[in-house]
Amino acid sequence: MQAQRKPVKTRAPRASRAPRPEYIAAVRYLDGRHEKFHVRNADNLDDAREMVIAEVGDFRSIMIALRH
């Protein structure tokens, strides 16, 4: 006598989310110092810029780019 098998349930494929973009920011301060930041939780370039400005305060220049 053969054992009966349970019907196999097919799983729906998971909707994969695109990875969030990561940005890198270079900041030059008023006194000439410089620092780099990795921004991981920003939704877009403008959001990344606002996050860095909120973190550093006064600065001379800032450059932000999408990190590949």
PDB file of N, CA and C in Angstrom:
ATOM      1  N   MET A   1       0.829  -1.163   0.000  1.00  0.00           N
ATOM      2  CA  MET A   1       0.000   0.000   0.000  1.00  0.00           C
ATOM      3  C   MET A   1       0.888   1.245   0.000  1.00  0.00           C
ATOM      4  N   GLN A   2       0.550   2.203  -0.843  1.00  0.00           N
ATOM      5  CA  GLN A   2       1.354   3.410  -0.958  1.00  0.00           C
ATOM      6  C   GLN A   2       0.782   4.518  -0.089  1.00  0.00           C
ATOM      7  N   ALA A   3       1.703   5.306   0.485  1.00  0.00           N
ATOM      8  CA  ALA A   3       1.275   6.450   1.297  1.00  0.00           C
ATOM      9  C   ALA A   3       0.810   7.568   0.371  1.00  0.00           C
ATOM     10  N   GLN A   4      -0.202   8.247   0.793  1.00  0.00           N
ATOM     11  CA  GLN A   4      -0.702   9.353  -0.022  1.00  0.00           C
ATOM     12  C   GLN A   4       0.109  10.609   0.266  1.00  0.00           C
ATOM     13  N   ARG A   5       0.361  11.351  -0.784  1.00  0.00           N
ATOM     14  CA  ARG A   5       1.100  12.608  -0.630  1.00  0.00           C
ATOM     15  C   ARG A   5       0.128  13.768  -0.525  1.00  0.00           C
ATOM     16  N   LYS A   6       0.549  14.745   0.270  1.00  0.00           N
ATOM     17  CA  LYS A   6      -0.253  15.956   0.362  1.00  0.00           C
ATOM     18  C   LYS A   6      -0.003  16.783  -0.903  1.00  0.00           C
ATOM     19  N   PRO A   7      -1.018  17.467  -1.376  1.00  0.00           N
ATOM     20  CA  PRO A   7      -0.796  18.299  -2.561  1.00  0.00           C
ATOM     21  C   PRO A   7       0.207  19.413  -2.245  1.00  0.00           C
ATOM     22  N   VAL A   8       1.090  19.665  -3.175  1.00  0.00           N
ATOM     23  CA  VAL A   8       2.119  20.686  -2.988  1.00  0.00           C
ATOM     24  C   VAL A   8       1.515  22.053  -3.236  1.00  0.00           C
ATOM     25  N   LYS A   9       1.713  22.938  -2.291  1.00  0.00           N
ATOM     26  CA  LYS A   9       1.225  24.297  -2.445  1.00  0.00           C
ATOM     27  C   LYS A   9       2.306  25.117  -3.137  1.00  0.00           C
ATOM     28  N   THR A  10       1.918  25.820  -4.157  1.00  0.00           N
ATOM     29  CA  THR A  10       2.884  26.683  -4.831  1.00  0.00           C
ATOM     30  C   THR A  10       2.923  28.019  -4.115  1.00  0.00           C
ATOM     31  N   ARG A  11       4.112  28.500  -3.912  1.00  0.00           N
ATOM     32  CA  ARG A  11       4.288  29.771  -3.232  1.00  0.00           C
ATOM     33  C   ARG A  11       4.298  30.899  -4.256  1.00  0.00           C
ATOM     34  N   ALA A  12       3.638  31.949  -3.895  1.00  0.00           N
ATOM     35  CA  ALA A  12       3.660  33.131  -4.751  1.00  0.00           C
ATOM     36  C   ALA A  12       5.043  33.762  -4.638  1.00  0.00           C
ATOM     37  N   PRO A  13       5.624  34.177  -5.737  1.00  0.00           N
ATOM     38  CA  PRO A  13       6.957  34.785  -5.652  1.00  0.00           C
ATOM     39  C   PRO A  13       6.896  36.101  -4.872  1.00  0.00           C
ATOM     40  N   ARG A  14       7.905  36.312  -4.055  1.00  0.00           N
ATOM     41  CA  ARG A  14       7.963  37.533  -3.255  1.00  0.00           C
ATOM     42  C   ARG A  14       8.268  38.718  -4.157  1.00  0.00           C
ATOM     43  N   ALA A  15       7.608  39.783  -3.881  1.00  0.00           N
ATOM     44  CA  ALA A  15       7.893  41.003  -4.622  1.00  0.00           C
ATOM     45  C   ALA A  15       9.206  41.560  -4.095  1.00  0.00           C
ATOM     46  N   SER A  16      10.225  41.533  -4.910  1.00  0.00           N
ATOM     47  CA  SER A  16      11.518  42.022  -4.454  1.00  0.00           C
ATOM     48  C   SER A  16      11.586  43.528  -4.637  1.00  0.00           C
ATOM     49  N   ARG A  17      12.073  44.162  -3.622  1.00  0.00           N
ATOM     50  CA  ARG A  17      12.188  45.599  -3.612  1.00  0.00           C
ATOM     51  C   ARG A  17      13.564  45.989  -4.146  1.00  0.00           C
ATOM     52  N   ALA A  18      13.612  47.008  -4.937  1.00  0.00           N
ATOM     53  CA  ALA A  18      14.900  47.487  -5.424  1.00  0.00           C
ATOM     54  C   ALA A  18      15.687  48.038  -4.236  1.00  0.00           C
ATOM     55  N   PRO A  19      16.983  47.798  -4.206  1.00  0.00           N
ATOM     56  CA  PRO A  19      17.764  48.311  -3.083  1.00  0.00           C
ATOM     57  C   PRO A  19      17.739  49.830  -3.061  1.00  0.00           C
ATOM     58  N   ARG A  20      17.733  50.390  -1.868  1.00  0.00           N
ATOM     59  CA  ARG A  20      17.730  51.843  -1.733  1.00  0.00           C
ATOM     60  C   ARG A  20      19.054  52.396  -2.231  1.00  0.00           C
ATOM     61  N   PRO A  21      19.020  53.536  -2.862  1.00  0.00           N
ATOM     62  CA  PRO A  21      20.285  54.120  -3.337  1.00  0.00           C
ATOM     63  C   PRO A  21      21.137  54.568  -2.158  1.00  0.00           C
ATOM     64  N   GLU A  22      22.422  54.537  -2.361  1.00  0.00           N
ATOM     65  CA  GLU A  22      23.362  55.003  -1.349  1.00  0.00           C
ATOM     66  C   GLU A  22      24.123  56.181  -1.939  1.00  0.00           C
ATOM     67  N   TYR A  23      24.320  57.199  -1.135  1.00  0.00           N
ATOM     68  CA  TYR A  23      24.982  58.414  -1.593  1.00  0.00           C
ATOM     69  C   TYR A  23      26.273  58.623  -0.819  1.00  0.00           C
ATOM     70  N   ILE A  24      27.194  59.359  -1.426  1.00  0.00           N
ATOM     71  CA  ILE A  24      28.415  59.752  -0.749  1.00  0.00           C
ATOM     72  C   ILE A  24      28.483  61.271  -0.814  1.00  0.00           C
ATOM     73  N   ALA A  25      28.893  61.883   0.296  1.00  0.00           N
ATOM     74  CA  ALA A  25      28.961  63.338   0.377  1.00  0.00           C
ATOM     75  C   ALA A  25      30.351  63.753   0.837  1.00  0.00           C
ATOM     76  N   ALA A  26      30.893  64.762   0.155  1.00  0.00           N
ATOM     77  CA  ALA A  26      32.161  65.369   0.554  1.00  0.00           C
ATOM     78  C   ALA A  26      31.857  66.780   1.047  1.00  0.00           C
ATOM     79  N   VAL A  27      32.319  67.082   2.247  1.00  0.00           N
ATOM     80  CA  VAL A  27      32.026  68.369   2.870  1.00  0.00           C
ATOM     81  C   VAL A  27      33.336  69.080   3.179  1.00  0.00           C
ATOM     82  N   ARG A  28      33.416  70.359   2.822  1.00  0.00           N
ATOM     83  CA  ARG A  28      34.539  71.197   3.235  1.00  0.00           C
ATOM     84  C   ARG A  28      33.987  72.241   4.202  1.00  0.00           C
ATOM     85  N   TYR A  29      34.606  72.306   5.375  1.00  0.00           N
ATOM     86  CA  TYR A  29      34.166  73.218   6.423  1.00  0.00           C
ATOM     87  C   TYR A  29      34.799  74.601   6.242  1.00  0.00           C
ATOM     88  N   LEU A  30      34.309  75.565   7.002  1.00  0.00           N
ATOM     89  CA  LEU A  30      34.785  76.941   6.911  1.00  0.00           C
ATOM     90  C   LEU A  30      36.265  77.069   7.263  1.00  0.00           C
ATOM     91  N   ASP A  31      36.756  76.206   8.151  1.00  0.00           N
ATOM     92  CA  ASP A  31      38.166  76.280   8.570  1.00  0.00           C
ATOM     93  C   ASP A  31      39.105  75.473   7.672  1.00  0.00           C
ATOM     94  N   GLY A  32      38.581  74.904   6.580  1.00  0.00           N
ATOM     95  CA  GLY A  32      39.425  74.181   5.627  1.00  0.00           C
ATOM     96  C   GLY A  32      39.428  72.669   5.801  1.00  0.00           C
ATOM     97  N   ARG A  33      38.925  72.182   6.928  1.00  0.00           N
ATOM     98  CA  ARG A  33      38.855  70.727   7.115  1.00  0.00           C
ATOM     99  C   ARG A  33      37.881  70.134   6.110  1.00  0.00           C
ATOM    100  N   HIS A  34      38.002  68.833   5.895  1.00  0.00           N
ATOM    101  CA  HIS A  34      37.069  68.150   4.999  1.00  0.00           C
ATOM    102  C   HIS A  34      36.713  66.793   5.570  1.00  0.00           C
ATOM    103  N   GLU A  35      35.572  66.283   5.140  1.00  0.00           N
ATOM    104  CA  GLU A  35      35.066  65.013   5.666  1.00  0.00           C
ATOM    105  C   GLU A  35      34.170  64.368   4.619  1.00  0.00           C
ATOM    106  N   LYS A  36      34.135  63.053   4.624  1.00  0.00           N
ATOM    107  CA  LYS A  36      33.255  62.312   3.722  1.00  0.00           C
ATOM    108  C   LYS A  36      32.188  61.591   4.533  1.00  0.00           C
ATOM    109  N   PHE A  37      30.988  61.487   3.957  1.00  0.00           N
ATOM    110  CA  PHE A  37      29.869  60.815   4.599  1.00  0.00           C
ATOM    111  C   PHE A  37      29.261  59.808   3.631  1.00  0.00           C
ATOM    112  N   HIS A  38      28.793  58.709   4.164  1.00  0.00           N
ATOM    113  CA  HIS A  38      27.996  57.751   3.399  1.00  0.00           C
ATOM    114  C   HIS A  38      26.563  57.892   3.892  1.00  0.00           C
ATOM    115  N   VAL A  39      25.655  58.178   2.980  1.00  0.00           N
ATOM    116  CA  VAL A  39      24.254  58.405   3.333  1.00  0.00           C
ATOM    117  C   VAL A  39      23.449  57.229   2.801  1.00  0.00           C
ATOM    118  N   ARG A  40      22.862  56.449   3.695  1.00  0.00           N
ATOM    119  CA  ARG A  40      22.169  55.225   3.293  1.00  0.00           C
ATOM    120  C   ARG A  40      20.654  55.297   3.398  1.00  0.00           C
ATOM    121  N   ASN A  41      20.119  56.213   4.153  1.00  0.00           N
ATOM    122  CA  ASN A  41      18.681  56.221   4.404  1.00  0.00           C
ATOM    123  C   ASN A  41      17.941  57.337   3.685  1.00  0.00           C
ATOM    124  N   ALA A  42      18.532  57.882   2.658  1.00  0.00           N
ATOM    125  CA  ALA A  42      17.891  58.969   1.923  1.00  0.00           C
ATOM    126  C   ALA A  42      17.022  58.409   0.798  1.00  0.00           C
ATOM    127  N   ASP A  43      15.929  59.105   0.533  1.00  0.00           N
ATOM    128  CA  ASP A  43      15.027  58.689  -0.541  1.00  0.00           C
ATOM    129  C   ASP A  43      15.502  59.160  -1.909  1.00  0.00           C
ATOM    130  N   ASN A  44      16.177  60.305  -1.949  1.00  0.00           N
ATOM    131  CA  ASN A  44      16.678  60.844  -3.207  1.00  0.00           C
ATOM    132  C   ASN A  44      17.847  61.774  -2.907  1.00  0.00           C
ATOM    133  N   LEU A  45      18.374  62.415  -3.949  1.00  0.00           N
ATOM    134  CA  LEU A  45      19.548  63.269  -3.796  1.00  0.00           C
ATOM    135  C   LEU A  45      19.266  64.475  -2.902  1.00  0.00           C
ATOM    136  N   ASP A  46      18.098  65.078  -3.060  1.00  0.00           N
ATOM    137  CA  ASP A  46      17.752  66.232  -2.228  1.00  0.00           C
ATOM    138  C   ASP A  46      17.620  65.844  -0.757  1.00  0.00           C
ATOM    139  N   ASP A  47      17.052  64.683  -0.504  1.00  0.00           N
ATOM    140  CA  ASP A  47      16.923  64.187   0.870  1.00  0.00           C
ATOM    141  C   ASP A  47      18.302  63.927   1.469  1.00  0.00           C
ATOM    142  N   ALA A  48      19.220  63.362   0.691  1.00  0.00           N
ATOM    143  CA  ALA A  48      20.584  63.110   1.161  1.00  0.00           C
ATOM    144  C   ALA A  48      21.273  64.420   1.512  1.00  0.00           C
ATOM    145  N   ARG A  49      21.084  65.426   0.668  1.00  0.00           N
ATOM    146  CA  ARG A  49      21.692  66.735   0.921  1.00  0.00           C
ATOM    147  C   ARG A  49      21.160  67.331   2.225  1.00  0.00           C
ATOM    148  N   GLU A  50      19.870  67.273   2.432  1.00  0.00           N
ATOM    149  CA  GLU A  50      19.282  67.814   3.658  1.00  0.00           C
ATOM    150  C   GLU A  50      19.786  67.072   4.896  1.00  0.00           C
ATOM    151  N   MET A  51      19.958  65.769   4.783  1.00  0.00           N
ATOM    152  CA  MET A  51      20.453  64.986   5.917  1.00  0.00           C
ATOM    153  C   MET A  51      21.880  65.386   6.284  1.00  0.00           C
ATOM    154  N   VAL A  52      22.720  65.592   5.274  1.00  0.00           N
ATOM    155  CA  VAL A  52      24.112  65.975   5.537  1.00  0.00           C
ATOM    156  C   VAL A  52      24.169  67.380   6.122  1.00  0.00           C
ATOM    157  N   ILE A  53      23.400  68.302   5.566  1.00  0.00           N
ATOM    158  CA  ILE A  53      23.396  69.676   6.082  1.00  0.00           C
ATOM    159  C   ILE A  53      22.937  69.702   7.538  1.00  0.00           C
ATOM    160  N   ALA A  54      21.926  68.908   7.867  1.00  0.00           N
ATOM    161  CA  ALA A  54      21.455  68.844   9.247  1.00  0.00           C
ATOM    162  C   ALA A  54      22.528  68.289  10.183  1.00  0.00           C
ATOM    163  N   GLU A  55      23.357  67.404   9.666  1.00  0.00           N
ATOM    164  CA  GLU A  55      24.404  66.781  10.479  1.00  0.00           C
ATOM    165  C   GLU A  55      25.601  67.705  10.691  1.00  0.00           C
ATOM    166  N   VAL A  56      26.035  68.437   9.652  1.00  0.00           N
ATOM    167  CA  VAL A  56      27.297  69.169   9.740  1.00  0.00           C
ATOM    168  C   VAL A  56      27.155  70.625  10.162  1.00  0.00           C
ATOM    169  N   GLY A  57      26.028  71.234   9.923  1.00  0.00           N
ATOM    170  CA  GLY A  57      25.877  72.645  10.292  1.00  0.00           C
ATOM    171  C   GLY A  57      26.519  73.553   9.254  1.00  0.00           C
ATOM    172  N   ASP A  58      27.437  74.448   9.703  1.00  0.00           N
ATOM    173  CA  ASP A  58      28.076  75.410   8.797  1.00  0.00           C
ATOM    174  C   ASP A  58      29.137  74.729   7.946  1.00  0.00           C
ATOM    175  N   PHE A  59      29.152  75.035   6.670  1.00  0.00           N
ATOM    176  CA  PHE A  59      30.123  74.446   5.755  1.00  0.00           C
ATOM    177  C   PHE A  59      30.414  75.424   4.630  1.00  0.00           C
ATOM    178  N   ARG A  60      31.531  75.217   3.965  1.00  0.00           N
ATOM    179  CA  ARG A  60      31.891  76.055   2.830  1.00  0.00           C
ATOM    180  C   ARG A  60      31.334  75.472   1.540  1.00  0.00           C
ATOM    181  N   SER A  61      31.506  74.177   1.350  1.00  0.00           N
ATOM    182  CA  SER A  61      30.968  73.550   0.144  1.00  0.00           C
ATOM    183  C   SER A  61      30.592  72.105   0.456  1.00  0.00           C
ATOM    184  N   ILE A  62      29.696  71.598  -0.370  1.00  0.00           N
ATOM    185  CA  ILE A  62      29.230  70.225  -0.200  1.00  0.00           C
ATOM    186  C   ILE A  62      28.990  69.640  -1.588  1.00  0.00           C
ATOM    187  N   MET A  63      29.382  68.401  -1.758  1.00  0.00           N
ATOM    188  CA  MET A  63      29.133  67.707  -3.028  1.00  0.00           C
ATOM    189  C   MET A  63      28.576  66.324  -2.707  1.00  0.00           C
ATOM    190  N   ILE A  64      27.480  65.987  -3.332  1.00  0.00           N
ATOM    191  CA  ILE A  64      26.825  64.705  -3.086  1.00  0.00           C
ATOM    192  C   ILE A  64      26.646  63.986  -4.405  1.00  0.00           C
ATOM    193  N   ALA A  65      26.910  62.680  -4.403  1.00  0.00           N
ATOM    194  CA  ALA A  65      26.778  61.877  -5.619  1.00  0.00           C
ATOM    195  C   ALA A  65      26.226  60.514  -5.263  1.00  0.00           C
ATOM    196  N   LEU A  66      25.595  59.896  -6.251  1.00  0.00           N
ATOM    197  CA  LEU A  66      25.110  58.535  -6.096  1.00  0.00           C
ATOM    198  C   LEU A  66      26.308  57.598  -6.052  1.00  0.00           C
ATOM    199  N   ARG A  67      26.342  56.736  -5.074  1.00  0.00           N
ATOM    200  CA  ARG A  67      27.463  55.786  -4.942  1.00  0.00           C
ATOM    201  C   ARG A  67      27.138  54.521  -5.719  1.00  0.00           C
ATOM    202  N   HIS A  68      28.049  54.068  -6.535  1.00  0.00           N
ATOM    203  CA  HIS A  68      27.857  52.865  -7.346  1.00  0.00           C
ATOM    204  C   HIS A  68      28.462  51.674  -6.675  1.00  0.00           C
TER     205      HIS A  68
END
